[in-house]
């Protein structure tokens, strides 16, 4: 899952990164390379906000421009975002998902925790309990 960001020189000499699709996101770095690396962490932090507030995580829209770069979030984080969106779409709360999975609430919390290194099988099973299937492709 790639998000397109705009990179611009800030007034204090640092490089500022914003995302077209996620207004809550902002990241900085000393140069473009560092700012794009930091952008991945910034996108993950923004996703945490969306999960806490039970708001749908926006799908990325392709953009073009001189100062536009693609930032790819890790596959596991993308899968967590998809699980979260499916829960929001269906109105399924964490407690209900825990019941469907026959697990305790902390396990569902970890499935949705962007920083937790969940097993992809757990995300896959959760999506199956929501009537969806996770597919992986190589591009």
Protein backbone atom coordinates (compact mmCIF):
# COMPACT_ATOMS: atom_id res chain seq x y z
CA UNK A 1 0.00 0.00 0.00
CA UNK A 2 1.63 3.21 -1.20
CA UNK A 3 0.71 6.71 -0.13
CA UNK A 4 1.78 9.74 -2.08
CA UNK A 5 3.39 12.52 -0.12
CA UNK A 6 4.52 16.01 -0.95
CA UNK A 7 8.00 17.04 0.11
CA UNK A 8 8.97 20.67 0.59
CA UNK A 9 11.77 22.63 2.17
CA UNK A 10 10.61 24.09 5.47
CA UNK A 11 11.51 27.61 6.61
CA UNK A 12 13.93 26.25 9.25
CA UNK A 13 15.95 24.21 6.72
CA UNK A 14 14.36 20.85 7.42
CA UNK A 15 12.32 18.89 4.89
CA UNK A 16 8.58 18.77 5.55
CA UNK A 17 6.41 15.88 4.33
CA UNK A 18 2.62 15.94 4.08
CA UNK A 19 0.20 13.39 2.69
CA UNK A 20 -2.63 14.21 0.28
CA UNK A 21 -4.95 11.49 1.64
CA UNK A 22 -4.21 11.80 5.37
CA UNK A 23 -4.43 15.37 6.66
CA UNK A 24 -3.37 14.31 10.17
CA UNK A 25 0.00 13.17 8.83
CA UNK A 26 3.12 15.29 8.86
CA UNK A 27 6.76 14.26 9.02
CA UNK A 28 10.15 15.96 8.86
CA UNK A 29 13.76 15.14 8.22
CA UNK A 30 17.09 16.80 7.61
CA UNK A 31 16.99 15.84 3.93
CA UNK A 32 14.57 14.18 1.49
CA UNK A 33 15.91 10.68 2.11
CA UNK A 34 15.56 10.93 5.90
CA UNK A 35 12.15 12.59 5.65
CA UNK A 36 10.82 9.73 3.47
CA UNK A 37 12.12 7.14 5.94
CA UNK A 38 10.45 9.07 8.77
CA UNK A 39 7.26 9.24 6.70
CA UNK A 40 6.69 5.50 7.18
CA UNK A 41 6.67 5.96 10.97
CA UNK A 42 4.43 9.00 10.55
CA UNK A 43 1.91 7.05 8.49
CA UNK A 44 1.88 4.28 11.09
CA UNK A 45 1.28 6.85 13.84
CA UNK A 46 -1.60 8.35 11.84
CA UNK A 47 -3.11 4.88 11.41
CA UNK A 48 -3.01 4.44 15.19
CA UNK A 49 -5.11 7.61 15.52
CA UNK A 50 -7.65 6.33 13.00
CA UNK A 51 -7.90 2.99 14.84
CA UNK A 52 -8.34 4.69 18.24
CA UNK A 53 -11.05 6.96 16.84
CA UNK A 54 -12.73 4.14 14.85
CA UNK A 55 -12.43 6.14 11.63
CA UNK A 56 -11.86 4.52 8.25
CA UNK A 57 -8.28 4.59 7.04
CA UNK A 58 -8.28 6.35 3.64
CA UNK A 59 -7.32 4.42 0.54
CA UNK A 60 -4.33 5.87 -1.28
CA UNK A 61 -4.91 7.88 -4.43
CA UNK A 62 -2.23 8.05 -7.10
CA UNK A 63 -0.68 11.51 -7.45
CA UNK A 64 1.98 13.06 -9.64
CA UNK A 65 4.16 16.09 -9.32
CA UNK A 66 7.71 17.33 -9.02
CA UNK A 67 7.88 17.03 -5.24
CA UNK A 68 5.62 13.98 -4.94
CA UNK A 69 6.99 10.66 -3.70
CA UNK A 70 5.43 7.27 -2.99
CA UNK A 71 5.84 5.93 0.54
CA UNK A 72 5.06 2.26 1.07
CA UNK A 73 3.78 1.08 4.43
CA UNK A 74 4.79 -2.45 5.48
CA UNK A 75 2.49 -5.28 4.35
CA UNK A 76 1.57 -6.23 7.93
CA UNK A 77 0.57 -2.64 8.71
CA UNK A 78 -1.48 -2.50 5.50
CA UNK A 79 -3.25 -5.74 6.51
CA UNK A 80 -4.05 -4.24 9.93
CA UNK A 81 -5.48 -1.15 8.21
CA UNK A 82 -7.66 -3.36 6.03
CA UNK A 83 -8.87 -5.32 9.06
CA UNK A 84 -9.68 -2.07 10.86
CA UNK A 85 -11.58 -0.70 7.85
CA UNK A 86 -13.59 -3.89 7.53
CA UNK A 87 -14.52 -3.73 11.21
CA UNK A 88 -15.65 -0.10 10.79
CA UNK A 89 -17.61 -0.94 7.62
CA UNK A 90 -19.43 -3.79 9.33
CA UNK A 91 -19.87 -2.01 12.68
CA UNK A 92 -17.95 -4.79 14.45
CA UNK A 93 -16.32 -3.77 17.71
CA UNK A 94 -13.19 -5.37 19.15
CA UNK A 95 -15.22 -7.30 21.73
CA UNK A 96 -17.37 -8.81 18.99
CA UNK A 97 -14.32 -9.80 16.95
CA UNK A 98 -12.78 -11.40 20.05
CA UNK A 99 -15.98 -13.41 20.51
CA UNK A 100 -15.94 -14.53 16.88
CA UNK A 101 -12.28 -15.54 17.15
CA UNK A 102 -12.79 -17.23 20.57
CA UNK A 103 -9.92 -15.19 22.03
CA UNK A 104 -9.49 -12.63 24.82
CA UNK A 105 -9.72 -8.91 24.06
CA UNK A 106 -5.95 -8.29 24.43
CA UNK A 107 -5.35 -10.57 21.44
CA UNK A 108 -7.61 -8.44 19.27
CA UNK A 109 -5.92 -5.31 20.63
CA UNK A 110 -2.58 -6.74 19.45
CA UNK A 111 -4.01 -7.58 16.02
CA UNK A 112 -4.87 -3.90 15.58
CA UNK A 113 -1.72 -2.56 17.26
CA UNK A 114 0.42 -1.12 14.47
CA UNK A 115 3.63 -1.58 16.47
CA UNK A 116 2.91 -5.21 17.43
CA UNK A 117 4.47 -7.83 15.17
CA UNK A 118 1.32 -9.91 14.71
CA UNK A 119 1.36 -13.06 12.64
CA UNK A 120 -0.29 -12.52 9.28
CA UNK A 121 -2.31 -15.68 9.92
CA UNK A 122 -4.05 -13.91 12.79
CA UNK A 123 -5.09 -11.02 10.56
CA UNK A 124 -6.17 -13.49 7.90
CA UNK A 125 -8.34 -15.42 10.36
CA UNK A 126 -9.90 -12.22 11.71
CA UNK A 127 -10.80 -11.12 8.19
CA UNK A 128 -12.29 -14.56 7.48
CA UNK A 129 -14.49 -14.19 10.57
CA UNK A 130 -15.70 -10.96 8.99
CA UNK A 131 -16.50 -12.77 5.76
CA UNK A 132 -13.49 -11.44 3.87
CA UNK A 133 -10.32 -12.98 2.50
CA UNK A 134 -6.83 -11.51 2.48
CA UNK A 135 -4.96 -11.90 -0.80
CA UNK A 136 -1.30 -11.15 -1.40
CA UNK A 137 0.17 -10.25 -4.77
CA UNK A 138 3.58 -9.39 -6.13
CA UNK A 139 3.95 -6.21 -8.19
